[in-house]
Amino acid sequence: MSDEEVIDLFDRAVAEVPPALLPAPHAAIRRRVRRRRATGWGAATAAVLVVVAGFAVARADRASDSPQPAASKETAATAGVPWAGARIDRAGTRITVYAVPMLGKCVERDPAHDDLVLTDDKITMSLDGAYTGCADDTQVTARAFELPQAAGTRLLADGRSPWGQPFIFSDTDLPDLAGGGWSEQPPSWLGSGDPTLALRFTRPGGPDLRVLAVRSQPEPGSQDETPDHALMVNGKRIDVYDRAGRPTASWWSADAGAVHFTMDVSGAALAAPEFDAMLRGLTWA
């Protein structure tokens, strides 16, 4: 068989390829790739969502199972007022403290929450309460603390205002008016917002007396007023001033003159000789 015959037999045995199949089907390949890629991303996204959802559920389950901390309770701020002065009785076992006066304010007290702390060298007293509006701001708010032992030389401190400068005095700085038949009346502040304590005493037949106590605060460069005369009673110097015809006694506390006192007669004034005689007749500790 010749070569031409062999070639003819091969041509007859092999079917012809359609012309459309001869070039590479690039467009069809790209379409299939896009479909597979989209399907793959969808499956991956679904898987991720399932994992995240499962994680969230697991966390929620754990959170519900684990004990939750109790909600913190807000502690109410402790209300308190500072005190302007303290008065020690003659025995030294009773201390009366006076709340600081404020212009246009009074003190609403809560005595049940007052505090007294005693140590070997200090006595700390705290007043509980709050300032409120009132019509008469000269009224005094006070609290008396009873001590198991005399205060002695212990420091008196204000638990609400440890850096304050209160005036502190003892009844031994005053004449023994109770022994002379006088009864003490409720105190007051001298004026609105004025930290001068006004003590008042009365007795049948009179005269009624007013004693003012205030922490000594001399102005720099100021000079003391010159008294009209001075008395020495039981070793204590008492200056006497004539103020518009009203004799007024003046003296200082034993504690290095930290508190200044004045005393005058309420109502009708005494003449100077009668006033001096009354001062000499009082018992000064």
Protein backbone atom coordinates (compact mmCIF):
# COMPACT_ATOMS: atom_id res chain seq x y z
CA MET A 1 0.00 0.00 0.00
CA SER A 2 1.36 3.24 -1.03
CA ASP A 3 1.87 6.20 1.35
CA GLU A 4 -1.04 8.12 -0.10
CA GLU A 5 -3.37 5.20 0.63
CA VAL A 6 -2.20 4.99 4.27
CA ILE A 7 -2.82 8.73 4.82
CA ASP A 8 -6.25 8.39 3.27
CA LEU A 9 -7.16 5.56 5.67
CA PHE A 10 -6.10 7.70 8.75
CA ASP A 11 -8.14 10.63 7.54
CA ARG A 12 -11.20 8.41 7.24
CA ALA A 13 -10.67 6.84 10.74
CA VAL A 14 -10.31 10.14 12.71
CA ALA A 15 -13.45 12.31 12.91
CA GLU A 16 -13.13 15.92 12.08
CA VAL A 17 -13.07 18.39 15.09
CA PRO A 18 -15.74 21.05 14.80
CA PRO A 19 -14.26 24.45 14.10
CA ALA A 20 -15.79 25.93 17.32
CA LEU A 21 -13.74 23.47 19.39
CA LEU A 22 -10.40 24.23 17.88
CA PRO A 23 -9.57 27.51 19.83
CA ALA A 24 -9.12 27.34 23.64
CA PRO A 25 -12.45 28.17 25.47
CA HIS A 26 -11.01 31.00 27.59
CA ALA A 27 -14.38 32.72 28.29
CA ALA A 28 -15.98 29.51 29.53
CA ILE A 29 -13.00 28.80 31.77
CA ARG A 30 -13.22 32.31 33.32
CA ARG A 31 -16.97 31.90 33.97
CA ARG A 32 -16.42 28.56 35.72
CA VAL A 33 -13.61 30.04 37.86
CA ARG A 34 -15.83 32.98 38.95
CA ARG A 35 -18.67 30.61 39.87
CA ARG A 36 -16.38 28.37 41.92
CA ARG A 37 -14.74 31.39 43.65
CA ALA A 38 -18.12 32.87 44.59
CA THR A 39 -19.30 29.51 45.88
CA GLY A 40 -16.10 29.13 47.90
CA TRP A 41 -16.37 32.61 49.48
CA GLY A 42 -20.02 32.04 50.37
CA ALA A 43 -19.20 28.79 52.07
CA ALA A 44 -16.28 30.37 53.92
CA THR A 45 -18.43 33.29 55.07
CA ALA A 46 -21.13 30.97 56.32
CA ALA A 47 -18.55 28.95 58.21
CA VAL A 48 -17.15 32.07 59.86
CA LEU A 49 -20.62 33.23 60.87
CA VAL A 50 -21.34 29.85 62.40
CA VAL A 51 -18.08 29.98 64.39
CA VAL A 52 -18.69 33.53 65.62
CA ALA A 53 -22.26 32.74 66.59
CA GLY A 54 -21.13 29.68 68.47
CA PHE A 55 -18.44 31.68 70.27
CA ALA A 56 -20.96 34.33 71.29
CA VAL A 57 -23.38 31.71 72.58
CA ALA A 58 -20.59 30.02 74.49
CA ARG A 59 -19.57 33.32 76.08
CA ALA A 60 -23.16 34.11 76.99
CA ASP A 61 -23.51 30.69 78.58
CA ARG A 62 -20.30 31.16 80.55
CA ALA A 63 -21.36 34.66 81.63
CA SER A 64 -24.70 33.39 82.87
CA ASP A 65 -23.05 30.52 84.72
CA SER A 66 -20.28 32.57 86.35
CA PRO A 67 -21.17 34.51 89.52
CA GLN A 68 -21.68 38.21 88.89
CA PRO A 69 -20.15 40.74 91.29
CA ALA A 70 -22.72 42.48 93.44
CA ALA A 71 -23.53 46.02 92.41
CA SER A 72 -21.52 48.40 94.51
CA LYS A 73 -23.62 50.40 96.91
CA GLU A 74 -22.87 54.08 96.98
CA THR A 75 -21.84 55.15 100.44
CA ALA A 76 -23.62 58.27 101.50
CA ALA A 77 -21.23 61.09 102.23
CA THR A 78 -20.97 61.68 105.93
CA ALA A 79 -22.45 65.05 106.73
CA GLY A 80 -20.81 67.11 109.39
CA VAL A 81 -20.23 70.64 110.61
CA PRO A 82 -17.10 72.12 112.19
CA TRP A 83 -17.23 73.67 115.63
CA ALA A 84 -16.16 77.21 116.42
CA GLY A 85 -15.43 76.85 120.10
CA ALA A 86 -15.35 74.52 123.07
CA ARG A 87 -16.11 75.14 126.73
CA ILE A 88 -14.80 72.91 129.51
CA ASP A 89 -16.69 72.74 132.79
CA ARG A 90 -14.97 73.28 136.13
CA ALA A 91 -14.53 69.55 136.74
CA GLY A 92 -12.98 69.05 133.30
CA THR A 93 -15.26 66.12 132.47
CA ARG A 94 -17.86 67.91 130.35
CA ILE A 95 -16.97 69.67 127.10
CA THR A 96 -19.55 71.70 125.19
CA VAL A 97 -18.73 72.42 121.56
CA TYR A 98 -20.46 75.08 119.47
CA ALA A 99 -21.03 74.63 115.73
CA VAL A 100 -19.54 77.30 113.46
CA PRO A 101 -22.10 80.03 112.68
CA MET A 102 -22.81 80.83 109.04
CA LEU A 103 -24.56 83.85 107.58
CA GLY A 104 -28.18 82.99 106.86
CA LYS A 105 -27.73 79.36 107.93
CA CYS A 106 -28.61 77.15 110.86
CA VAL A 107 -27.52 73.63 111.66
CA GLU A 108 -29.82 70.66 111.33
CA ARG A 109 -28.35 68.21 113.81
CA ASP A 110 -28.09 64.44 113.92
CA PRO A 111 -26.66 63.86 117.43
CA ALA A 112 -26.81 60.08 117.09
CA HIS A 113 -23.88 60.24 114.67
CA ASP A 114 -21.67 62.59 116.67
CA ASP A 115 -18.29 61.10 117.44
CA LEU A 116 -15.92 61.21 120.39
CA VAL A 117 -12.44 59.70 120.20
CA LEU A 118 -10.24 59.65 123.30
CA THR A 119 -6.50 59.02 123.37
CA ASP A 120 -3.82 59.68 125.96
CA ASP A 121 -2.92 63.05 124.45
CA LYS A 122 -5.94 64.15 122.40
CA ILE A 123 -9.73 64.43 122.53
CA THR A 124 -11.37 64.51 119.09
CA MET A 125 -15.00 65.57 118.87
CA SER A 126 -17.09 65.55 115.69
CA LEU A 127 -20.52 67.08 115.12
CA ASP A 128 -22.89 65.49 112.63
CA GLY A 129 -25.42 67.56 110.74
CA ALA A 130 -25.81 69.96 107.83
CA TYR A 131 -26.38 73.66 107.25
CA THR A 132 -29.88 74.72 106.23
CA GLY A 133 -31.59 78.02 105.66
CA CYS A 134 -33.27 79.64 108.66
CA ALA A 135 -34.74 82.92 109.87
CA ASP A 136 -32.49 83.39 112.93
CA ASP A 137 -28.85 82.54 112.26
CA THR A 138 -27.71 83.80 115.68
CA GLN A 139 -29.04 80.71 117.44
CA VAL A 140 -26.31 78.47 118.79
CA THR A 141 -26.05 74.77 117.98
CA ALA A 142 -24.11 72.94 120.69
CA ARG A 143 -23.33 69.46 121.94
CA ALA A 144 -21.99 68.48 125.35
CA PHE A 145 -19.63 65.49 125.50
CA GLU A 146 -19.20 63.67 128.80
CA LEU A 147 -15.73 62.30 129.54
CA PRO A 148 -14.86 59.37 131.81
CA GLN A 149 -11.85 61.34 133.06
CA ALA A 150 -10.96 65.02 133.20
CA ALA A 151 -9.61 66.48 129.96
CA GLY A 152 -6.50 67.72 131.73
CA THR A 153 -3.85 68.96 129.31
CA ARG A 154 -5.02 66.87 126.38
CA LEU A 155 -5.42 68.60 123.02
CA LEU A 156 -8.99 69.25 121.92
CA ALA A 157 -9.47 68.65 118.19
CA ASP A 158 -12.32 68.99 115.73
CA GLY A 159 -12.83 65.79 113.74
CA ARG A 160 -14.60 67.69 110.94
CA SER A 161 -12.05 70.48 110.62
CA PRO A 162 -8.71 69.34 112.06
CA TRP A 163 -6.93 72.48 110.81
CA GLY A 164 -9.49 74.94 112.15
CA GLN A 165 -8.72 77.51 114.83
CA PRO A 166 -11.51 77.22 117.40
CA PHE A 167 -11.54 79.12 120.66
CA ILE A 168 -11.31 76.93 123.74
CA PHE A 169 -11.89 78.10 127.27
CA SER A 170 -12.72 76.72 130.68
CA ASP A 171 -15.37 77.77 133.15
CA THR A 172 -12.44 78.47 135.44
CA ASP A 173 -11.72 81.46 133.17
CA LEU A 174 -15.10 82.89 134.20
CA PRO A 175 -16.32 84.05 137.59
CA ASP A 176 -18.44 81.51 139.44
CA LEU A 177 -21.75 83.11 138.59
CA ALA A 178 -23.75 80.05 139.62
CA GLY A 179 -22.29 80.41 143.10
CA GLY A 180 -23.52 84.01 143.12
CA GLY A 181 -27.09 83.00 142.38
CA TRP A 182 -27.13 83.50 138.61
CA SER A 183 -28.74 81.00 136.24
CA GLU A 184 -27.37 80.58 132.74
CA GLN A 185 -29.70 81.16 129.79
CA PRO A 186 -29.38 79.66 126.29
CA PRO A 187 -26.41 81.25 124.50
CA SER A 188 -26.46 82.97 121.13
CA TRP A 189 -24.02 84.38 118.62
CA LEU A 190 -23.44 88.11 118.96
CA GLY A 191 -24.44 88.81 115.37
CA SER A 192 -25.22 87.22 112.03
CA GLY A 193 -22.21 85.11 111.09
CA ASP A 194 -20.24 86.54 114.04
CA PRO A 195 -18.30 83.83 115.96
CA THR A 196 -18.54 85.77 119.22
CA LEU A 197 -20.33 83.62 121.78
CA ALA A 198 -22.78 85.51 123.97
CA LEU A 199 -23.47 83.86 127.35
CA ARG A 200 -26.34 85.28 129.38
CA PHE A 201 -26.99 84.98 133.11
CA THR A 202 -29.96 86.09 135.18
CA ARG A 203 -30.89 86.07 138.86
CA PRO A 204 -33.84 87.29 140.90
CA GLY A 205 -33.38 90.96 141.71
CA GLY A 206 -30.68 91.30 139.04
CA PRO A 207 -28.57 92.49 137.59
CA ASP A 208 -28.62 90.32 134.48
CA LEU A 209 -25.20 89.83 132.93
CA ARG A 210 -23.86 89.17 129.46
CA VAL A 211 -20.44 87.58 128.92
CA LEU A 212 -18.90 87.60 125.44
CA ALA A 213 -16.21 85.08 124.50
CA VAL A 214 -14.25 85.26 121.26
CA ARG A 215 -10.93 83.95 120.02
CA SER A 216 -8.30 86.64 120.26
CA GLN A 217 -7.34 87.87 116.80
CA PRO A 218 -5.39 91.11 117.20
CA GLU A 219 -4.80 93.02 113.99
CA PRO A 220 -1.13 93.47 113.02
CA GLY A 221 0.12 96.76 114.42
CA SER A 222 -3.05 97.35 116.44
CA GLN A 223 -2.90 98.71 119.98
CA ASP A 224 -5.06 97.61 122.88
CA GLU A 225 -7.67 100.06 124.05
CA THR A 226 -6.61 101.82 127.22
CA PRO A 227 -8.95 100.91 130.10
CA ASP A 228 -10.40 103.52 132.43
CA HIS A 229 -9.04 101.55 135.35
CA ALA A 230 -8.08 98.01 136.36
CA LEU A 231 -8.95 95.77 139.28
CA MET A 232 -6.91 92.94 140.79
CA VAL A 233 -9.22 90.24 142.15
CA ASN A 234 -7.63 87.05 143.54
CA GLY A 235 -4.52 87.77 141.50
CA LYS A 236 -6.48 88.23 138.26
CA ARG A 237 -6.34 91.52 136.37
CA ILE A 238 -9.68 92.86 135.17
CA ASP A 239 -9.76 95.95 132.99
CA VAL A 240 -12.82 98.17 133.21
CA TYR A 241 -13.99 100.44 130.40
CA ASP A 242 -16.66 103.11 130.45
CA ARG A 243 -18.49 102.73 127.15
CA ALA A 244 -21.14 105.38 126.78
CA GLY A 245 -21.92 105.25 130.47
CA ARG A 246 -22.00 101.46 130.60
CA PRO A 247 -19.12 99.91 132.56
CA THR A 248 -17.65 96.86 130.83
CA ALA A 249 -15.18 94.39 132.32
CA SER A 250 -12.51 92.80 130.14
CA TRP A 251 -10.08 89.95 130.78
CA TRP A 252 -8.29 87.09 129.04
CA SER A 253 -8.30 83.33 129.36
CA ALA A 254 -5.56 81.62 131.31
CA ASP A 255 -4.43 79.84 128.14
CA ALA A 256 -1.92 82.50 127.07
CA GLY A 257 -4.74 84.94 126.39
CA ALA A 258 -6.17 82.87 123.54
CA VAL A 259 -9.76 83.91 124.36
CA HIS A 260 -10.94 87.40 125.19
CA PHE A 261 -13.90 87.96 127.51
CA THR A 262 -16.02 91.02 128.19
CA MET A 263 -18.88 91.33 130.68
CA ASP A 264 -21.52 94.01 130.99
CA VAL A 265 -24.91 94.43 132.58
CA SER A 266 -28.03 93.80 130.54
CA GLY A 267 -30.82 96.32 130.93
CA ALA A 268 -30.26 99.28 133.23
CA ALA A 269 -26.57 100.00 133.65
CA LEU A 270 -24.84 100.04 137.02
CA ALA A 271 -22.83 103.00 138.13
CA ALA A 272 -19.08 102.49 138.00
CA PRO A 273 -18.63 102.04 141.80
CA GLU A 274 -21.46 99.49 141.96
CA PHE A 275 -20.05 97.65 138.98
CA ASP A 276 -16.60 97.47 140.57
CA ALA A 277 -18.12 96.24 143.82
CA MET A 278 -19.97 93.49 141.97
CA LEU A 279 -16.74 92.37 140.28
CA ARG A 280 -14.90 92.20 143.60
CA GLY A 281 -17.75 90.23 145.15
CA LEU A 282 -17.58 87.48 142.52
CA THR A 283 -15.59 84.28 143.01
CA TRP A 284 -12.80 84.07 140.45
CA ALA A 285 -11.10 80.67 140.22
